[in-house]
Amino acid sequence: MRTRTGLGLLACCCAALAACTAAAPKGPDTTVTTPAVGRPPAPASVQAALSSEAFTPYTGLSVATGDGLAPGETIAALHTACMNDAGYGQYANNTVWNQDVLGSLAFEALPEAPWGKPYGPWGYTGTAEAAQDGFNTPGVVVGSAVNSNPPGLPAGAQAAAGKCLNIVDDFDDAQFATSMAGMVTISNDIYNDVGQDPDVKNATKAWSACMASNGYPAAEPNTLPDNETRGLGGPHGLSNPATTPSGLTPAQNKEQIAAAVADADCTQATDLAGIFFAVQASYEQQVVTANQQALGAAVRQYKASYARELSKLPALVRSAPAHAARPR
């Protein structure tokens, strides 16, 4: 058992500063008991595993339209509303813009967020995708740099896009510091708990030994995908439709597919995926149960902040700078 104390889930609401100081908010309860999971079967897919875990909806707050907590109240929807208020709603669904906003801000989602490729400490949960694409998922852009003035737009629309980027960026940062602060703490604790769990560590060691026997002696689950796909475009080694598959030579593509297949085979042989997700599910359920009321209050705080932001959009559009305040 271990206990961690992190940031408070809710901002302190007091009549006076002295009262706030006297009653500091309590951090989330992250006390957990190490589960005994045995060797459970691997999930059918990573997304299927995450969709059944207790904390997953909170990782999608502000990013996933169907998170089940604040449906539709996302940074993408805020961007669309902003462009409409600026008078350029016809450009709100500009493909380049949407990829940039979702790619950069979604990459900042909570550590347990189910975005991007189905790889990581668990490896692949099946060999079919690995044999076809390797670590590359065509059409997925994650972590791309935001272009505040997407090409091909009229000057007025470009200025509106820059304003809306700043507005969305500021709102996103503010929520991570307020309504979602406790969720960040919980997410980080779950991430650390899973990584330090004895069953996961043992399965990871077995995976590494399996990979070594297949010609990858220095392979690590967290770094293998990036190491094998550095030529695929994007700062995180993930795929980019502008450079994939042409971003790799046939030999490079063959190599990264071979590594992905070895990863998939070793993951199945060691049950790393089954163990990883079963352990994660246990920690998530324990922490969510212990913090159910506070998490509910945090979601309500986020929804109220989102509603206020929508009401302020006309004024914000008039005052926001037209160029990104800082690079993404």
C-alpha atoms as a PDB file:
ATOM      1  CA  MET A   1       0.000   0.000   0.000  1.00  0.00           C
ATOM      2  CA  ARG A   2       1.120   3.545  -0.594  1.00  0.00           C
ATOM      3  CA  THR A   3      -0.422   6.971  -0.300  1.00  0.00           C
ATOM      4  CA  ARG A   4       0.329  10.020  -2.395  1.00  0.00           C
ATOM      5  CA  THR A   5      -1.027  13.492  -1.842  1.00  0.00           C
ATOM      6  CA  GLY A   6      -1.224  15.779  -4.841  1.00  0.00           C
ATOM      7  CA  LEU A   7      -3.005  18.869  -6.053  1.00  0.00           C
ATOM      8  CA  GLY A   8      -6.495  19.540  -4.751  1.00  0.00           C
ATOM      9  CA  LEU A   9      -9.387  18.582  -7.005  1.00  0.00           C
ATOM     10  CA  LEU A  10     -11.317  21.739  -6.332  1.00  0.00           C
ATOM     11  CA  ALA A  11     -10.394  25.362  -5.905  1.00  0.00           C
ATOM     12  CA  CYS A  12     -10.959  26.663  -2.405  1.00  0.00           C
ATOM     13  CA  CYS A  13     -14.112  28.730  -2.115  1.00  0.00           C
ATOM     14  CA  CYS A  14     -13.956  30.975   0.914  1.00  0.00           C
ATOM     15  CA  ALA A  15     -15.365  34.298   1.983  1.00  0.00           C
ATOM     16  CA  ALA A  16     -11.935  35.615   2.886  1.00  0.00           C
ATOM     17  CA  LEU A  17      -8.317  34.753   2.148  1.00  0.00           C
ATOM     18  CA  ALA A  18      -7.711  33.943   5.796  1.00  0.00           C
ATOM     19  CA  ALA A  19     -10.467  31.362   5.731  1.00  0.00           C
ATOM     20  CA  CYS A  20      -8.937  29.751   2.659  1.00  0.00           C
ATOM     21  CA  THR A  21      -5.570  29.588   4.361  1.00  0.00           C
ATOM     22  CA  ALA A  22      -7.084  27.981   7.421  1.00  0.00           C
ATOM     23  CA  ALA A  23      -8.908  25.292   5.443  1.00  0.00           C
ATOM     24  CA  ALA A  24      -6.561  24.293   2.651  1.00  0.00           C
ATOM     25  CA  PRO A  25      -8.152  21.904   0.140  1.00  0.00           C
ATOM     26  CA  LYS A  26      -7.335  18.241   0.575  1.00  0.00           C
ATOM     27  CA  GLY A  27      -5.674  16.462  -2.300  1.00  0.00           C
ATOM     28  CA  PRO A  28      -7.232  13.426  -3.967  1.00  0.00           C
ATOM     29  CA  ASP A  29      -7.127  10.102  -2.161  1.00  0.00           C
ATOM     30  CA  THR A  30      -4.676   7.989  -4.129  1.00  0.00           C
ATOM     31  CA  THR A  31      -4.253   5.164  -1.640  1.00  0.00           C
ATOM     32  CA  VAL A  32      -4.234   1.857  -3.497  1.00  0.00           C
ATOM     33  CA  THR A  33      -3.700  -1.818  -2.752  1.00  0.00           C
ATOM     34  CA  THR A  34      -1.488  -3.787  -5.126  1.00  0.00           C
ATOM     35  CA  PRO A  35      -3.787  -6.195  -7.018  1.00  0.00           C
ATOM     36  CA  ALA A  36      -3.159  -9.860  -7.704  1.00  0.00           C
ATOM     37  CA  VAL A  37      -4.238 -10.336 -11.324  1.00  0.00           C
ATOM     38  CA  GLY A  38      -2.645 -13.631 -12.337  1.00  0.00           C
ATOM     39  CA  ARG A  39      -2.428 -14.057 -16.114  1.00  0.00           C
ATOM     40  CA  PRO A  40      -5.642 -12.610 -17.536  1.00  0.00           C
ATOM     41  CA  PRO A  41      -6.261 -12.835 -21.281  1.00  0.00           C
ATOM     42  CA  ALA A  42      -5.187  -9.883 -23.363  1.00  0.00           C
ATOM     43  CA  PRO A  43      -7.998  -7.520 -24.361  1.00  0.00           C
ATOM     44  CA  ALA A  44      -9.309  -7.644 -27.900  1.00  0.00           C
ATOM     45  CA  SER A  45      -7.876  -4.178 -28.514  1.00  0.00           C
ATOM     46  CA  VAL A  46      -6.315  -1.324 -26.610  1.00  0.00           C
ATOM     47  CA  GLN A  47      -9.364   0.868 -27.177  1.00  0.00           C
ATOM     48  CA  ALA A  48     -11.662  -1.877 -25.909  1.00  0.00           C
ATOM     49  CA  ALA A  49      -9.554  -2.197 -22.772  1.00  0.00           C
ATOM     50  CA  LEU A  50      -9.484   1.531 -22.094  1.00  0.00           C
ATOM     51  CA  SER A  51     -13.201   1.984 -22.754  1.00  0.00           C
ATOM     52  CA  SER A  52     -13.999  -0.383 -19.894  1.00  0.00           C
ATOM     53  CA  GLU A  53     -11.666   1.235 -17.347  1.00  0.00           C
ATOM     54  CA  ALA A  54     -12.980   3.597 -14.694  1.00  0.00           C
ATOM     55  CA  PHE A  55     -10.712   6.602 -15.225  1.00  0.00           C
ATOM     56  CA  THR A  56     -10.774   6.684 -19.029  1.00  0.00           C
ATOM     57  CA  PRO A  57     -13.719   9.141 -19.301  1.00  0.00           C
ATOM     58  CA  TYR A  58     -11.798  11.688 -17.210  1.00  0.00           C
ATOM     59  CA  THR A  59      -8.786  11.455 -19.507  1.00  0.00           C
ATOM     60  CA  GLY A  60     -11.030  12.457 -22.391  1.00  0.00           C
ATOM     61  CA  LEU A  61     -12.497  15.510 -20.682  1.00  0.00           C
ATOM     62  CA  SER A  62     -12.048  18.558 -22.959  1.00  0.00           C
ATOM     63  CA  VAL A  63     -10.733  16.428 -25.822  1.00  0.00           C
ATOM     64  CA  ALA A  64     -13.151  13.572 -26.586  1.00  0.00           C
ATOM     65  CA  THR A  65     -16.601  14.474 -27.856  1.00  0.00           C
ATOM     66  CA  GLY A  66     -18.116  11.339 -26.337  1.00  0.00           C
ATOM     67  CA  ASP A  67     -16.310  11.279 -22.992  1.00  0.00           C
ATOM     68  CA  GLY A  68     -19.638  10.762 -21.197  1.00  0.00           C
ATOM     69  CA  LEU A  69     -18.903  13.555 -18.725  1.00  0.00           C
ATOM     70  CA  ALA A  70     -19.185  16.749 -20.758  1.00  0.00           C
ATOM     71  CA  PRO A  71     -20.258  15.493 -24.206  1.00  0.00           C
ATOM     72  CA  GLY A  72     -19.363  17.915 -26.955  1.00  0.00           C
ATOM     73  CA  GLU A  73     -17.734  20.450 -24.638  1.00  0.00           C
ATOM     74  CA  THR A  74     -14.285  20.091 -26.119  1.00  0.00           C
ATOM     75  CA  ILE A  75     -11.469  22.344 -27.242  1.00  0.00           C
ATOM     76  CA  ALA A  76     -12.418  21.534 -30.848  1.00  0.00           C
ATOM     77  CA  ALA A  77     -16.011  22.623 -30.233  1.00  0.00           C
ATOM     78  CA  LEU A  78     -14.751  25.769 -28.517  1.00  0.00           C
ATOM     79  CA  HIS A  79     -12.642  26.530 -31.573  1.00  0.00           C
ATOM     80  CA  THR A  80     -15.667  26.104 -33.841  1.00  0.00           C
ATOM     81  CA  ALA A  81     -17.773  28.403 -31.664  1.00  0.00           C
ATOM     82  CA  CYS A  82     -14.948  30.940 -31.646  1.00  0.00           C
ATOM     83  CA  MET A  83     -14.654  30.952 -35.439  1.00  0.00           C
ATOM     84  CA  ASN A  84     -18.417  31.368 -35.716  1.00  0.00           C
ATOM     85  CA  ASP A  85     -18.343  34.367 -33.374  1.00  0.00           C
ATOM     86  CA  ALA A  86     -15.476  35.828 -35.364  1.00  0.00           C
ATOM     87  CA  GLY A  87     -17.609  35.645 -38.513  1.00  0.00           C
ATOM     88  CA  TYR A  88     -15.604  32.889 -40.209  1.00  0.00           C
ATOM     89  CA  GLY A  89     -17.551  29.803 -39.236  1.00  0.00           C
ATOM     90  CA  GLN A  90     -17.288  28.455 -42.778  1.00  0.00           C
ATOM     91  CA  TYR A  91     -13.590  27.871 -42.083  1.00  0.00           C
ATOM     92  CA  ALA A  92     -14.088  26.263 -38.658  1.00  0.00           C
ATOM     93  CA  ASN A  93     -13.685  22.764 -40.070  1.00  0.00           C
ATOM     94  CA  ASN A  94     -10.572  23.564 -42.061  1.00  0.00           C
ATOM     95  CA  THR A  95      -8.700  20.251 -42.165  1.00  0.00           C
ATOM     96  CA  VAL A  96      -5.246  21.688 -41.507  1.00  0.00           C
ATOM     97  CA  TRP A  97      -6.530  23.742 -38.586  1.00  0.00           C
ATOM     98  CA  ASN A  98      -8.378  20.838 -36.980  1.00  0.00           C
ATOM     99  CA  GLN A  99      -5.351  18.571 -37.277  1.00  0.00           C
ATOM    100  CA  ASP A 100      -3.134  21.200 -35.690  1.00  0.00           C
ATOM    101  CA  VAL A 101      -5.461  22.013 -32.790  1.00  0.00           C
ATOM    102  CA  LEU A 102      -6.347  18.432 -31.990  1.00  0.00           C
ATOM    103  CA  GLY A 103      -2.811  17.205 -32.594  1.00  0.00           C
ATOM    104  CA  SER A 104      -1.127  19.690 -30.280  1.00  0.00           C
ATOM    105  CA  LEU A 105      -3.672  20.069 -27.497  1.00  0.00           C
ATOM    106  CA  ALA A 106      -4.760  16.422 -27.422  1.00  0.00           C
ATOM    107  CA  PHE A 107      -1.113  15.450 -27.064  1.00  0.00           C
ATOM    108  CA  GLU A 108      -1.202  17.362 -23.774  1.00  0.00           C
ATOM    109  CA  ALA A 109      -4.086  15.223 -22.513  1.00  0.00           C
ATOM    110  CA  LEU A 110      -3.678  13.296 -19.285  1.00  0.00           C
ATOM    111  CA  PRO A 111      -0.994  10.571 -19.236  1.00  0.00           C
ATOM    112  CA  GLU A 112      -3.585   7.794 -19.247  1.00  0.00           C
ATOM    113  CA  ALA A 113      -5.476   9.266 -22.211  1.00  0.00           C
ATOM    114  CA  PRO A 114      -6.269   6.720 -24.959  1.00  0.00           C
ATOM    115  CA  TRP A 115      -4.942   8.799 -27.866  1.00  0.00           C
ATOM    116  CA  GLY A 116      -2.626   7.808 -30.657  1.00  0.00           C
ATOM    117  CA  LYS A 117      -1.197   4.407 -31.428  1.00  0.00           C
ATOM    118  CA  PRO A 118      -2.050   1.208 -29.550  1.00  0.00           C
ATOM    119  CA  TYR A 119       1.472   0.770 -28.294  1.00  0.00           C
ATOM    120  CA  GLY A 120       3.380   1.661 -25.182  1.00  0.00           C
ATOM    121  CA  PRO A 121       4.293  -0.384 -22.113  1.00  0.00           C
ATOM    122  CA  TRP A 122       1.827  -3.058 -23.256  1.00  0.00           C
ATOM    123  CA  GLY A 123       3.037  -3.428 -26.834  1.00  0.00           C
ATOM    124  CA  TYR A 124       0.523  -4.571 -29.456  1.00  0.00           C
ATOM    125  CA  THR A 125      -2.496  -6.644 -28.548  1.00  0.00           C
ATOM    126  CA  GLY A 126      -2.499  -8.414 -31.885  1.00  0.00           C
ATOM    127  CA  THR A 127      -0.244  -9.200 -34.832  1.00  0.00           C
ATOM    128  CA  ALA A 128      -2.477  -8.292 -37.787  1.00  0.00           C
ATOM    129  CA  GLU A 129      -2.001  -4.525 -37.524  1.00  0.00           C
ATOM    130  CA  ALA A 130       1.692  -4.948 -36.754  1.00  0.00           C
ATOM    131  CA  ALA A 131       2.225  -7.111 -39.849  1.00  0.00           C
ATOM    132  CA  GLN A 132       0.387  -4.641 -42.066  1.00  0.00           C
ATOM    133  CA  ASP A 133       1.562  -1.220 -40.906  1.00  0.00           C
ATOM    134  CA  GLY A 134       4.151  -1.798 -38.197  1.00  0.00           C
ATOM    135  CA  PHE A 135       4.156   1.099 -35.789  1.00  0.00           C
ATOM    136  CA  ASN A 136       2.713   3.428 -38.396  1.00  0.00           C
ATOM    137  CA  THR A 137      -0.960   4.356 -38.430  1.00  0.00           C
ATOM    138  CA  PRO A 138      -1.738   6.166 -41.686  1.00  0.00           C
ATOM    139  CA  GLY A 139      -3.780   9.298 -41.207  1.00  0.00           C
ATOM    140  CA  VAL A 140      -2.984   9.873 -37.533  1.00  0.00           C
ATOM    141  CA  VAL A 141      -1.267  13.109 -36.558  1.00  0.00           C
ATOM    142  CA  VAL A 142      -0.285  13.589 -32.932  1.00  0.00           C
ATOM    143  CA  GLY A 143       1.885  16.311 -31.487  1.00  0.00           C
ATOM    144  CA  SER A 144       2.156  18.338 -34.658  1.00  0.00           C
ATOM    145  CA  ALA A 145       3.179  21.952 -34.397  1.00  0.00           C
ATOM    146  CA  VAL A 146       0.281  24.380 -34.496  1.00  0.00           C
ATOM    147  CA  ASN A 147       0.156  26.760 -37.422  1.00  0.00           C
ATOM    148  CA  SER A 148      -1.807  29.769 -36.189  1.00  0.00           C
ATOM    149  CA  ASN A 149      -2.355  30.947 -39.778  1.00  0.00           C
ATOM    150  CA  PRO A 150      -3.255  27.880 -41.859  1.00  0.00           C
ATOM    151  CA  PRO A 151      -2.345  28.284 -45.537  1.00  0.00           C
ATOM    152  CA  GLY A 152      -5.014  28.980 -48.119  1.00  0.00           C
ATOM    153  CA  LEU A 153      -7.313  31.017 -45.894  1.00  0.00           C
ATOM    154  CA  PRO A 154      -8.342  34.648 -46.531  1.00  0.00           C
ATOM    155  CA  ALA A 155      -6.496  37.206 -44.414  1.00  0.00           C
ATOM    156  CA  GLY A 156      -9.508  37.788 -42.162  1.00  0.00           C
ATOM    157  CA  ALA A 157      -9.954  34.073 -41.547  1.00  0.00           C
ATOM    158  CA  GLN A 158      -6.247  33.711 -40.800  1.00  0.00           C
ATOM    159  CA  ALA A 159      -6.486  36.470 -38.202  1.00  0.00           C
ATOM    160  CA  ALA A 160      -9.572  34.828 -36.683  1.00  0.00           C
ATOM    161  CA  ALA A 161      -7.766  31.473 -36.600  1.00  0.00           C
ATOM    162  CA  GLY A 162      -4.881  33.055 -34.708  1.00  0.00           C
ATOM    163  CA  LYS A 163      -7.236  34.684 -32.221  1.00  0.00           C
ATOM    164  CA  CYS A 164      -9.117  31.442 -31.663  1.00  0.00           C
ATOM    165  CA  LEU A 165      -5.881  29.526 -31.140  1.00  0.00           C
ATOM    166  CA  ASN A 166      -4.946  31.875 -28.316  1.00  0.00           C
ATOM    167  CA  ILE A 167      -8.414  31.682 -26.789  1.00  0.00           C
ATOM    168  CA  VAL A 168      -8.518  27.887 -26.897  1.00  0.00           C
ATOM    169  CA  ASP A 169      -4.931  27.645 -25.671  1.00  0.00           C
ATOM    170  CA  ASP A 170      -5.612  29.912 -22.693  1.00  0.00           C
ATOM    171  CA  PHE A 171      -8.763  28.020 -21.760  1.00  0.00           C
ATOM    172  CA  ASP A 172      -6.960  24.684 -22.019  1.00  0.00           C
ATOM    173  CA  ASP A 173      -4.124  25.878 -19.768  1.00  0.00           C
ATOM    174  CA  ALA A 174      -6.552  27.369 -17.250  1.00  0.00           C
ATOM    175  CA  GLN A 175      -8.485  24.117 -16.898  1.00  0.00           C
ATOM    176  CA  PHE A 176      -5.344  22.076 -16.327  1.00  0.00           C
ATOM    177  CA  ALA A 177      -4.543  24.447 -13.466  1.00  0.00           C
ATOM    178  CA  THR A 178      -8.062  24.494 -11.961  1.00  0.00           C
ATOM    179  CA  SER A 179     -10.918  22.112 -12.723  1.00  0.00           C
ATOM    180  CA  MET A 180      -8.653  19.347 -14.045  1.00  0.00           C
ATOM    181  CA  ALA A 181      -5.752  19.779 -11.623  1.00  0.00           C
ATOM    182  CA  GLY A 182      -6.798  16.889  -9.412  1.00  0.00           C
ATOM    183  CA  MET A 183      -7.380  14.691 -12.448  1.00  0.00           C
ATOM    184  CA  VAL A 184      -3.818  15.374 -13.542  1.00  0.00           C
ATOM    185  CA  THR A 185      -2.583  14.275 -10.109  1.00  0.00           C
ATOM    186  CA  ILE A 186      -4.686  11.115 -10.200  1.00  0.00           C
ATOM    187  CA  SER A 187      -3.647  10.337 -13.757  1.00  0.00           C
ATOM    188  CA  ASN A 188       0.037  10.693 -12.945  1.00  0.00           C
ATOM    189  CA  ASP A 189      -0.350   8.490  -9.869  1.00  0.00           C
ATOM    190  CA  ILE A 190      -2.124   5.765 -11.838  1.00  0.00           C
ATOM    191  CA  TYR A 191       0.573   5.947 -14.506  1.00  0.00           C
ATOM    192  CA  ASN A 192       3.303   5.606 -11.884  1.00  0.00           C
ATOM    193  CA  ASP A 193       1.480   2.855  -9.984  1.00  0.00           C
ATOM    194  CA  VAL A 194       1.110   0.740 -13.106  1.00  0.00           C
ATOM    195  CA  GLY A 195       4.755   1.235 -14.050  1.00  0.00           C
ATOM    196  CA  GLN A 196       5.937   0.185 -10.582  1.00  0.00           C
ATOM    197  CA  ASP A 197       3.521  -2.706 -10.121  1.00  0.00           C
ATOM    198  CA  PRO A 198       5.475  -5.965  -9.533  1.00  0.00           C
ATOM    199  CA  ASP A 199       3.392  -7.998 -11.995  1.00  0.00           C
ATOM    200  CA  VAL A 200       3.817  -5.390 -14.734  1.00  0.00           C
ATOM    201  CA  LYS A 201       7.550  -5.095 -14.035  1.00  0.00           C
ATOM    202  CA  ASN A 202       7.995  -8.874 -14.213  1.00  0.00           C
ATOM    203  CA  ALA A 203       6.005  -9.099 -17.445  1.00  0.00           C
ATOM    204  CA  THR A 204       8.050  -6.255 -18.905  1.00  0.00           C
ATOM    205  CA  LYS A 205      11.299  -8.056 -18.006  1.00  0.00           C
ATOM    206  CA  ALA A 206       9.998 -11.193 -19.698  1.00  0.00           C
ATOM    207  CA  TRP A 207       9.045  -9.119 -22.750  1.00  0.00           C
ATOM    208  CA  SER A 208      12.552  -7.631 -22.896  1.00  0.00           C
ATOM    209  CA  ALA A 209      14.114 -11.102 -22.732  1.00  0.00           C
ATOM    210  CA  CYS A 210      11.821 -12.283 -25.520  1.00  0.00           C
ATOM    211  CA  MET A 211      12.724  -9.286 -27.662  1.00  0.00           C
ATOM    212  CA  ALA A 212      16.426  -9.899 -27.059  1.00  0.00           C
ATOM    213  CA  SER A 213      16.040 -13.475 -28.305  1.00  0.00           C
ATOM    214  CA  ASN A 214      14.497 -12.024 -31.478  1.00  0.00           C
ATOM    215  CA  GLY A 215      17.423  -9.714 -32.161  1.00  0.00           C
ATOM    216  CA  TYR A 216      16.409  -6.617 -30.165  1.00  0.00           C
ATOM    217  CA  PRO A 217      18.684  -6.781 -27.103  1.00  0.00           C
ATOM    218  CA  ALA A 218      18.212  -3.148 -26.048  1.00  0.00           C
ATOM    219  CA  ALA A 219      14.457  -2.946 -26.648  1.00  0.00           C
ATOM    220  CA  GLU A 220      12.272  -1.183 -24.112  1.00  0.00           C
ATOM    221  CA  PRO A 221       8.457  -1.059 -24.410  1.00  0.00           C
ATOM    222  CA  ASN A 222       8.320   2.708 -23.939  1.00  0.00           C
ATOM    223  CA  THR A 223      10.942   3.589 -26.534  1.00  0.00           C
ATOM    224  CA  LEU A 224      10.785   0.860 -29.179  1.00  0.00           C
ATOM    225  CA  PRO A 225       8.027   2.450 -31.327  1.00  0.00           C
ATOM    226  CA  ASP A 226       9.679   5.865 -31.465  1.00  0.00           C
ATOM    227  CA  ASN A 227      13.104   4.369 -32.123  1.00  0.00           C
ATOM    228  CA  GLU A 228      11.720   2.376 -35.046  1.00  0.00           C
ATOM    229  CA  THR A 229       9.638   5.159 -36.624  1.00  0.00           C
ATOM    230  CA  ARG A 230      11.763   8.296 -36.429  1.00  0.00           C
ATOM    231  CA  GLY A 231      11.473   8.784 -40.180  1.00  0.00           C
ATOM    232  CA  LEU A 232       7.676   8.729 -40.226  1.00  0.00           C
ATOM    233  CA  GLY A 233       7.220  12.451 -39.557  1.00  0.00           C
ATOM    234  CA  GLY A 234       6.226  14.431 -36.481  1.00  0.00           C
ATOM    235  CA  PRO A 235       8.348  15.164 -33.404  1.00  0.00           C
ATOM    236  CA  HIS A 236       7.183  12.055 -31.556  1.00  0.00           C
ATOM    237  CA  GLY A 237       7.937   9.505 -34.246  1.00  0.00           C
ATOM    238  CA  LEU A 238       4.261   9.055 -35.071  1.00  0.00           C
ATOM    239  CA  SER A 239       2.794   8.928 -38.523  1.00  0.00           C
ATOM    240  CA  ASN A 240       1.991  11.868 -40.707  1.00  0.00           C
ATOM    241  CA  PRO A 241      -0.133  11.450 -43.836  1.00  0.00           C
ATOM    242  CA  ALA A 242       2.099  13.933 -45.656  1.00  0.00           C
ATOM    243  CA  THR A 243       5.206  11.801 -45.208  1.00  0.00           C
ATOM    244  CA  THR A 244       3.916   8.238 -44.758  1.00  0.00           C
ATOM    245  CA  PRO A 245       4.615   5.825 -46.312  1.00  0.00           C
ATOM    246  CA  SER A 246       6.916   7.864 -48.550  1.00  0.00           C
ATOM    247  CA  GLY A 247       8.817   9.093 -45.495  1.00  0.00           C
ATOM    248  CA  LEU A 248      10.498   5.679 -45.209  1.00  0.00           C
ATOM    249  CA  THR A 249      12.508   3.716 -47.691  1.00  0.00           C
ATOM    250  CA  PRO A 250      11.253   0.188 -48.397  1.00  0.00           C
ATOM    251  CA  ALA A 251      14.089  -1.190 -46.268  1.00  0.00           C
ATOM    252  CA  GLN A 252      13.247   1.106 -43.356  1.00  0.00           C
ATOM    253  CA  ASN A 253       9.570   0.236 -43.574  1.00  0.00           C
ATOM    254  CA  LYS A 254      10.376  -3.475 -43.625  1.00  0.00           C
ATOM    255  CA  GLU A 255      12.540  -3.056 -40.528  1.00  0.00           C
ATOM    256  CA  GLN A 256       9.940  -1.212 -38.479  1.00  0.00           C
ATOM    257  CA  ILE A 257       7.274  -3.777 -39.429  1.00  0.00           C
ATOM    258  CA  ALA A 258       9.596  -6.570 -38.318  1.00  0.00           C
ATOM    259  CA  ALA A 259      10.135  -4.844 -34.983  1.00  0.00           C
ATOM    260  CA  ALA A 260       6.386  -4.353 -34.524  1.00  0.00           C
ATOM    261  CA  VAL A 261       5.677  -8.018 -35.270  1.00  0.00           C
ATOM    262  CA  ALA A 262       8.345  -9.080 -32.756  1.00  0.00           C
ATOM    263  CA  ASP A 263       6.755  -6.705 -30.245  1.00  0.00           C
ATOM    264  CA  ALA A 264       3.319  -8.222 -30.881  1.00  0.00           C
ATOM    265  CA  ASP A 265       4.598 -11.788 -30.596  1.00  0.00           C
ATOM    266  CA  CYS A 266       6.510 -11.122 -27.378  1.00  0.00           C
ATOM    267  CA  THR A 267       3.581  -9.240 -25.888  1.00  0.00           C
ATOM    268  CA  GLN A 268       1.353 -12.245 -26.462  1.00  0.00           C
ATOM    269  CA  ALA A 269       3.953 -14.733 -25.245  1.00  0.00           C
ATOM    270  CA  THR A 270       4.473 -12.891 -21.948  1.00  0.00           C
ATOM    271  CA  ASP A 271       0.836 -11.747 -21.508  1.00  0.00           C
ATOM    272  CA  LEU A 272       2.135  -8.220 -21.042  1.00  0.00           C
ATOM    273  CA  ALA A 273      -1.054  -6.665 -22.440  1.00  0.00           C
ATOM    274  CA  GLY A 274      -3.366  -8.770 -20.299  1.00  0.00           C
ATOM    275  CA  ILE A 275      -1.410  -8.075 -17.137  1.00  0.00           C
ATOM    276  CA  PHE A 276      -0.892  -4.402 -17.885  1.00  0.00           C
ATOM    277  CA  PHE A 277      -4.554  -3.598 -18.487  1.00  0.00           C
ATOM    278  CA  ALA A 278      -5.819  -5.728 -15.601  1.00  0.00           C
ATOM    279  CA  VAL A 279      -3.461  -3.949 -13.215  1.00  0.00           C
ATOM    280  CA  GLN A 280      -4.366  -0.545 -14.624  1.00  0.00           C
ATOM    281  CA  ALA A 281      -8.088  -1.325 -14.330  1.00  0.00           C
ATOM    282  CA  SER A 282      -7.669  -2.196 -10.654  1.00  0.00           C
ATOM    283  CA  TYR A 283      -5.788   0.990  -9.793  1.00  0.00           C
ATOM    284  CA  GLU A 284      -8.220   3.120 -11.770  1.00  0.00           C
ATOM    285  CA  GLN A 285     -11.261   1.634 -10.073  1.00  0.00           C
ATOM    286  CA  GLN A 286      -9.754   2.041  -6.613  1.00  0.00           C
ATOM    287  CA  VAL A 287      -8.872   5.692  -7.124  1.00  0.00           C
ATOM    288  CA  VAL A 288     -12.110   6.632  -8.894  1.00  0.00           C
ATOM    289  CA  THR A 289     -14.179   4.997  -6.151  1.00  0.00           C
ATOM    290  CA  ALA A 290     -12.251   6.860  -3.452  1.00  0.00           C
ATOM    291  CA  ASN A 291     -12.669  10.208  -5.239  1.00  0.00           C
ATOM    292  CA  GLN A 292     -16.083   9.875  -6.841  1.00  0.00           C
ATOM    293  CA  GLN A 293     -17.646  12.956  -5.249  1.00  0.00           C
ATOM    294  CA  ALA A 294     -14.624  15.164  -5.860  1.00  0.00           C
ATOM    295  CA  LEU A 295     -14.321  14.011  -9.466  1.00  0.00           C
ATOM    296  CA  GLY A 296     -17.986  14.769 -10.046  1.00  0.00           C
ATOM    297  CA  ALA A 297     -17.519  18.240  -8.588  1.00  0.00           C
ATOM    298  CA  ALA A 298     -14.476  18.797 -10.806  1.00  0.00           C
ATOM    299  CA  VAL A 299     -16.464  17.868 -13.908  1.00  0.00           C
ATOM    300  CA  ARG A 300     -19.191  20.307 -12.901  1.00  0.00           C
ATOM    301  CA  GLN A 301     -16.534  22.977 -12.419  1.00  0.00           C
ATOM    302  CA  TYR A 302     -15.176  22.280 -15.904  1.00  0.00           C
ATOM    303  CA  LYS A 303     -18.655  22.461 -17.448  1.00  0.00           C
ATOM    304  CA  ALA A 304     -19.356  25.770 -15.702  1.00  0.00           C
ATOM    305  CA  SER A 305     -16.020  27.147 -16.928  1.00  0.00           C
ATOM    306  CA  TYR A 306     -16.815  26.010 -20.455  1.00  0.00           C
ATOM    307  CA  ALA A 307     -20.213  27.717 -20.369  1.00  0.00           C
ATOM    308  CA  ARG A 308     -18.625  30.946 -19.121  1.00  0.00           C
ATOM    309  CA  GLU A 309     -16.015  30.770 -21.864  1.00  0.00           C
ATOM    310  CA  LEU A 310     -18.714  30.459 -24.504  1.00  0.00           C
ATOM    311  CA  SER A 311     -20.503  33.495 -23.098  1.00  0.00           C
ATOM    312  CA  LYS A 312     -17.287  35.531 -23.211  1.00  0.00           C
ATOM    313  CA  LEU A 313     -16.290  34.572 -26.762  1.00  0.00           C
ATOM    314  CA  PRO A 314     -17.534  37.751 -28.517  1.00  0.00           C
ATOM    315  CA  ALA A 315     -15.452  39.933 -26.179  1.00  0.00           C
ATOM    316  CA  LEU A 316     -12.467  37.587 -26.318  1.00  0.00           C
ATOM    317  CA  VAL A 317     -12.479  37.570 -30.118  1.00  0.00           C
ATOM    318  CA  ARG A 318     -12.274  41.366 -30.109  1.00  0.00           C
ATOM    319  CA  SER A 319      -9.350  41.498 -27.659  1.00  0.00           C
ATOM    320  CA  ALA A 320      -7.272  38.400 -28.418  1.00  0.00           C
ATOM    321  CA  PRO A 321      -4.029  38.779 -30.419  1.00  0.00           C
ATOM    322  CA  ALA A 322      -4.136  37.404 -33.950  1.00  0.00           C
ATOM    323  CA  HIS A 323      -0.832  35.576 -33.641  1.00  0.00           C
ATOM    324  CA  ALA A 324       0.069  32.695 -31.368  1.00  0.00           C
ATOM    325  CA  ALA A 325       1.341  34.009 -28.058  1.00  0.00           C
ATOM    326  CA  ARG A 326       3.792  31.133 -27.736  1.00  0.00           C
ATOM    327  CA  PRO A 327       4.833  28.211 -29.953  1.00  0.00           C
ATOM    328  CA  ARG A 328       3.170  24.867 -29.481  1.00  0.00           C
END
